[in-house]
Protein backbone atom coordinates (compact mmCIF):
# COMPACT_ATOMS: atom_id res chain seq x y z
CA ILE A 1 17.15 0.09 -3.06
CA ASP A 2 15.14 -2.87 -4.28
CA ARG A 3 14.60 -3.07 -8.01
CA LEU A 4 11.91 -5.12 -9.68
CA GLU A 5 10.64 -5.12 -13.25
CA LEU A 6 6.93 -5.68 -13.70
CA ASP A 7 4.71 -6.06 -16.74
CA LEU A 8 1.96 -3.63 -15.76
CA ARG A 9 -1.32 -3.30 -17.63
CA ALA A 10 -4.16 -0.82 -17.61
CA GLY A 11 -6.30 -1.48 -14.56
CA ASP A 12 -3.41 -2.63 -12.35
CA ARG A 13 -2.82 -0.89 -9.04
CA LEU A 14 0.72 -0.58 -7.71
CA LEU A 15 1.62 -0.13 -4.04
CA LEU A 16 4.96 1.26 -2.90
CA CYS A 17 5.37 1.41 0.86
CA THR A 18 7.87 1.47 3.66
CA ASP A 19 8.37 -1.40 6.07
CA GLY A 20 6.43 0.65 8.60
CA VAL A 21 3.36 -0.36 6.59
CA SER A 22 4.35 -3.79 5.31
CA ASN A 23 5.58 -5.02 8.71
CA ALA A 24 2.56 -3.70 10.61
CA VAL A 25 -0.28 -4.74 8.30
CA GLN A 26 -0.86 -8.40 7.51
CA PRO A 27 -0.45 -9.31 3.81
CA ALA A 28 -4.12 -10.30 3.42
CA ASP A 29 -5.16 -6.95 4.92
CA LEU A 30 -2.77 -5.07 2.62
CA THR A 31 -4.32 -6.83 -0.36
CA ALA A 32 -7.88 -6.13 0.79
CA ILE A 33 -7.18 -2.44 1.34
CA VAL A 34 -5.38 -1.99 -2.00
CA ARG A 35 -8.16 -3.81 -3.88
CA GLN A 36 -10.96 -1.71 -2.43
CA GLY A 37 -12.40 1.02 -4.58
CA GLY A 38 -11.40 4.61 -4.18
CA ALA A 39 -8.79 7.13 -5.12
CA PRO A 40 -5.14 6.12 -4.77
CA GLY A 41 -4.53 8.83 -2.16
CA ASP A 42 -7.41 7.56 -0.04
CA ILE A 43 -6.09 4.00 -0.24
CA ALA A 44 -2.58 5.16 0.77
CA ARG A 45 -4.03 7.05 3.73
CA HIS A 46 -6.05 3.98 4.77
CA LEU A 47 -2.89 1.83 4.64
CA CYS A 48 -1.00 4.25 6.90
CA GLU A 49 -3.96 4.42 9.29
CA ALA A 50 -4.04 0.60 9.42
CA ALA A 51 -0.32 0.57 10.23
CA ASP A 52 -0.86 3.13 13.01
CA ALA A 53 -3.77 1.10 14.39
CA ALA A 54 -1.54 -1.99 14.45
CA GLY A 55 0.93 -0.27 16.74
CA GLY A 56 2.71 2.18 14.48
CA PHE A 57 6.21 1.34 15.72
CA ASP A 58 7.90 2.77 12.61
CA ASN A 59 7.36 5.54 10.09
CA SER A 60 4.68 4.58 7.60
CA THR A 61 4.57 5.83 4.05
CA ALA A 62 2.49 4.48 1.17
CA VAL A 63 2.06 5.48 -2.45
CA VAL A 64 -0.67 3.89 -4.56
CA ILE A 65 -0.57 4.23 -8.34
CA ASP A 66 -3.38 3.28 -10.70
CA ILE A 67 -2.08 2.17 -14.09
CA THR A 68 -4.15 3.57 -16.94
């Protein structure tokens, strides 16, 4: 388990994902997808679809949380 403390503020968006996503999708593409508008569930689905499109060699799971 990785542990990291963050100072989150209203308006921030947090991404938690497996290496199946982070290894398959380039960092700039991850950032672009997370920053796009839309519901967190839609963004998470888009991230997993991008990982699948990049080869999908591992399980991909993503959770996106909007901080309010």
